[in-house]
């Protein structure tokens, strides 16, 4: 992108400001090209605190499914939580405060309203603290997460019993208002 001159911020055709008063994607591209912080309020047009178009309405929900001190055990409903709005599921993650050293691979399931959202469950390999580096990545089979859906976390399999501090994260995209 080549920048020749400043944009007309209040132009008549609405190129830089959308009908609802938010800055247009073109405005953000221009601001990025100038290395100006795009979330700042510009006094001329009073831009609201709006996410950039490429990170528009991404949401991250994390729940602790245990404390940090006691070894984890298998079981259902280790934590229950609800989402505050509708999102399209993009990813899931699990992490441990203390990794297990050996044994069966640590395996977690996430349920929405009583039914698993995963066709391949979350795993955390031995000596690892995160599912991000798992040999077998999780696969989401249900990506429609609606406002007030009830989510529960199950621990389906543990290894040597030394794993502690389980957290589970849901990452999704909320539709713009």
Protein backbone atom coordinates (compact mmCIF):
# COMPACT_ATOMS: atom_id res chain seq x y z
CA UNK A 1 0.00 0.00 0.00
CA UNK A 2 1.36 3.41 -0.93
CA UNK A 3 0.47 6.42 1.19
CA UNK A 4 0.57 9.76 -0.64
CA UNK A 5 -1.48 12.07 1.55
CA UNK A 6 -3.67 11.92 4.67
CA UNK A 7 -7.19 10.57 4.15
CA UNK A 8 -10.18 12.88 4.21
CA UNK A 9 -11.51 11.53 7.52
CA UNK A 10 -14.98 12.98 7.08
CA UNK A 11 -15.45 12.43 3.36
CA UNK A 12 -18.98 12.52 1.92
CA UNK A 13 -18.95 9.05 0.36
CA UNK A 14 -18.27 7.28 3.68
CA UNK A 15 -14.99 5.68 2.56
CA UNK A 16 -13.37 6.16 5.99
CA UNK A 17 -16.39 6.16 8.33
CA UNK A 18 -19.13 3.50 8.17
CA UNK A 19 -22.82 4.37 8.44
CA UNK A 20 -22.88 3.31 12.12
CA UNK A 21 -20.04 5.71 12.95
CA UNK A 22 -17.25 3.13 13.20
CA UNK A 23 -14.08 3.53 11.13
CA UNK A 24 -13.99 1.52 7.91
CA UNK A 25 -11.45 -1.29 7.27
CA UNK A 26 -9.73 1.02 4.76
CA UNK A 27 -9.21 3.57 7.52
CA UNK A 28 -7.48 0.97 9.72
CA UNK A 29 -5.27 -0.15 6.84
CA UNK A 30 -4.26 3.45 6.30
CA UNK A 31 -3.58 3.98 10.00
CA UNK A 32 -1.49 0.81 10.16
CA UNK A 33 0.52 1.95 7.16
CA UNK A 34 1.34 5.13 9.05
CA UNK A 35 2.25 3.13 12.18
CA UNK A 36 -0.42 4.93 14.19
CA UNK A 37 -2.10 3.02 16.98
CA UNK A 38 -5.42 2.06 15.43
CA UNK A 39 -7.29 1.76 18.74
CA UNK A 40 -6.66 5.37 19.73
CA UNK A 41 -9.41 7.95 19.66
CA UNK A 42 -8.86 10.52 16.95
CA UNK A 43 -10.30 13.79 18.13
CA UNK A 44 -11.46 14.90 14.69
CA UNK A 45 -13.90 12.01 14.32
CA UNK A 46 -13.99 10.55 17.85
CA UNK A 47 -13.43 6.94 16.78
CA UNK A 48 -14.87 4.49 19.34
CA UNK A 49 -12.64 1.80 20.84
CA UNK A 50 -13.16 -0.70 18.02
CA UNK A 51 -11.16 -3.86 17.33
CA UNK A 52 -9.15 -3.98 14.13
CA UNK A 53 -10.90 -5.78 11.25
CA UNK A 54 -8.56 -8.78 11.32
CA UNK A 55 -9.17 -9.39 15.03
CA UNK A 56 -12.82 -8.42 14.95
CA UNK A 57 -14.80 -9.94 17.81
CA UNK A 58 -12.45 -12.83 18.64
CA UNK A 59 -13.29 -14.22 22.07
CA UNK A 60 -11.31 -16.33 24.53
CA UNK A 61 -12.90 -18.15 27.48
CA UNK A 62 -10.80 -19.98 30.05
CA UNK A 63 -11.97 -22.05 33.00
CA UNK A 64 -9.96 -23.68 35.79
CA UNK A 65 -11.07 -27.29 36.14
CA UNK A 66 -9.05 -27.92 39.33
CA UNK A 67 -6.87 -26.27 41.91
CA UNK A 68 -3.09 -26.01 41.48
CA UNK A 69 -2.06 -28.31 44.36
CA UNK A 70 -3.94 -31.60 44.23
CA UNK A 71 -3.21 -34.35 41.68
CA UNK A 72 -5.92 -34.68 39.04
CA UNK A 73 -8.23 -37.69 38.80
CA UNK A 74 -10.54 -38.90 36.05
CA UNK A 75 -14.19 -37.93 36.17
CA UNK A 76 -17.00 -35.97 34.60
CA UNK A 77 -18.09 -32.40 35.24
CA UNK A 78 -14.78 -31.17 36.70
CA UNK A 79 -15.98 -27.62 35.94
CA UNK A 80 -19.21 -26.16 34.56
CA UNK A 81 -19.50 -22.74 32.91
CA UNK A 82 -21.68 -20.84 30.43
CA UNK A 83 -20.78 -18.54 27.56
CA UNK A 84 -22.06 -14.95 27.74
CA UNK A 85 -22.78 -14.72 23.99
CA UNK A 86 -22.93 -16.73 20.78
CA UNK A 87 -19.64 -17.57 19.10
CA UNK A 88 -18.39 -19.79 16.29
CA UNK A 89 -15.82 -22.13 17.79
CA UNK A 90 -12.33 -21.86 16.30
CA UNK A 91 -10.10 -23.75 18.73
CA UNK A 92 -9.86 -25.41 22.13
CA UNK A 93 -6.86 -25.73 24.43
CA UNK A 94 -5.93 -27.34 27.71
CA UNK A 95 -3.01 -26.63 30.00
CA UNK A 96 -1.56 -27.93 33.24
CA UNK A 97 0.27 -26.12 36.01
CA UNK A 98 2.28 -29.32 36.63
CA UNK A 99 2.87 -31.85 33.84
CA UNK A 100 2.58 -35.56 34.49
CA UNK A 101 5.79 -37.52 34.07
CA UNK A 102 4.59 -40.83 32.65
CA UNK A 103 1.74 -43.22 32.00
CA UNK A 104 -1.29 -42.90 29.76
CA UNK A 105 -1.68 -39.67 27.80
CA UNK A 106 -3.67 -37.02 29.73
CA UNK A 107 -7.02 -36.72 27.91
CA UNK A 108 -9.77 -34.11 28.33
CA UNK A 109 -13.25 -33.84 26.80
CA UNK A 110 -15.40 -30.70 26.55
CA UNK A 111 -19.18 -31.05 26.47
CA UNK A 112 -21.82 -28.55 25.40
CA UNK A 113 -25.22 -29.18 26.96
CA UNK A 114 -24.17 -32.76 27.75
CA UNK A 115 -22.69 -33.69 24.34
CA UNK A 116 -19.03 -33.63 23.39
CA UNK A 117 -17.93 -30.86 21.01
CA UNK A 118 -14.80 -32.85 20.09
CA UNK A 119 -14.42 -35.67 17.59
CA UNK A 120 -10.77 -35.99 18.67
CA UNK A 121 -10.32 -35.14 22.34
CA UNK A 122 -7.76 -32.77 23.84
CA UNK A 123 -4.55 -34.48 24.92
CA UNK A 124 -1.48 -33.30 26.78
CA UNK A 125 1.59 -35.45 26.20
CA UNK A 126 3.69 -36.64 29.14
CA UNK A 127 6.18 -34.04 30.44
CA UNK A 128 4.25 -31.31 28.56
CA UNK A 129 2.02 -28.62 30.06
CA UNK A 130 -0.10 -27.71 27.03
CA UNK A 131 -2.26 -29.34 24.39
CA UNK A 132 -0.74 -26.98 21.80
CA UNK A 133 2.25 -29.30 21.39
CA UNK A 134 0.26 -32.57 21.56
CA UNK A 135 1.17 -35.32 19.10
CA UNK A 136 -2.55 -35.66 18.33
CA UNK A 137 -4.35 -32.30 18.03
CA UNK A 138 -7.95 -31.92 19.14
CA UNK A 139 -10.66 -31.71 16.47
CA UNK A 140 -13.84 -29.71 17.10
CA UNK A 141 -16.98 -31.35 15.72
CA UNK A 142 -19.49 -28.77 16.99
CA UNK A 143 -18.51 -25.14 16.41
CA UNK A 144 -21.90 -23.52 17.11
CA UNK A 145 -21.69 -22.23 20.69
CA UNK A 146 -24.79 -20.27 21.66
CA UNK A 147 -25.36 -17.71 24.41
CA UNK A 148 -25.92 -19.50 27.75
CA UNK A 149 -24.92 -22.98 26.50
CA UNK A 150 -23.64 -25.04 29.42
CA UNK A 151 -20.11 -26.37 29.02
CA UNK A 152 -18.58 -29.08 31.21
CA UNK A 153 -15.07 -30.50 31.27
CA UNK A 154 -14.32 -34.20 31.78
CA UNK A 155 -10.96 -35.78 32.48
CA UNK A 156 -11.16 -39.06 30.59
CA UNK A 157 -7.65 -40.40 31.17
CA UNK A 158 -4.63 -39.64 33.35
CA UNK A 159 -1.15 -41.09 33.59
CA UNK A 160 0.90 -41.36 36.78
CA UNK A 161 -1.40 -39.02 38.76
CA UNK A 162 1.10 -36.16 39.11
CA UNK A 163 -0.69 -33.71 36.77
CA UNK A 164 -2.11 -30.64 38.57
CA UNK A 165 -3.83 -27.37 37.73
CA UNK A 166 -6.01 -28.08 34.66
CA UNK A 167 -7.33 -25.12 32.67
CA UNK A 168 -9.44 -25.35 29.52
CA UNK A 169 -9.86 -22.58 26.96
CA UNK A 170 -12.42 -22.04 24.21
CA UNK A 171 -11.55 -19.69 21.37
CA UNK A 172 -14.26 -18.41 19.07
CA UNK A 173 -15.45 -15.57 16.89
CA UNK A 174 -18.48 -13.52 17.89
CA UNK A 175 -20.57 -12.08 15.07
CA UNK A 176 -20.42 -8.28 14.91
CA UNK A 177 -23.43 -6.49 16.39
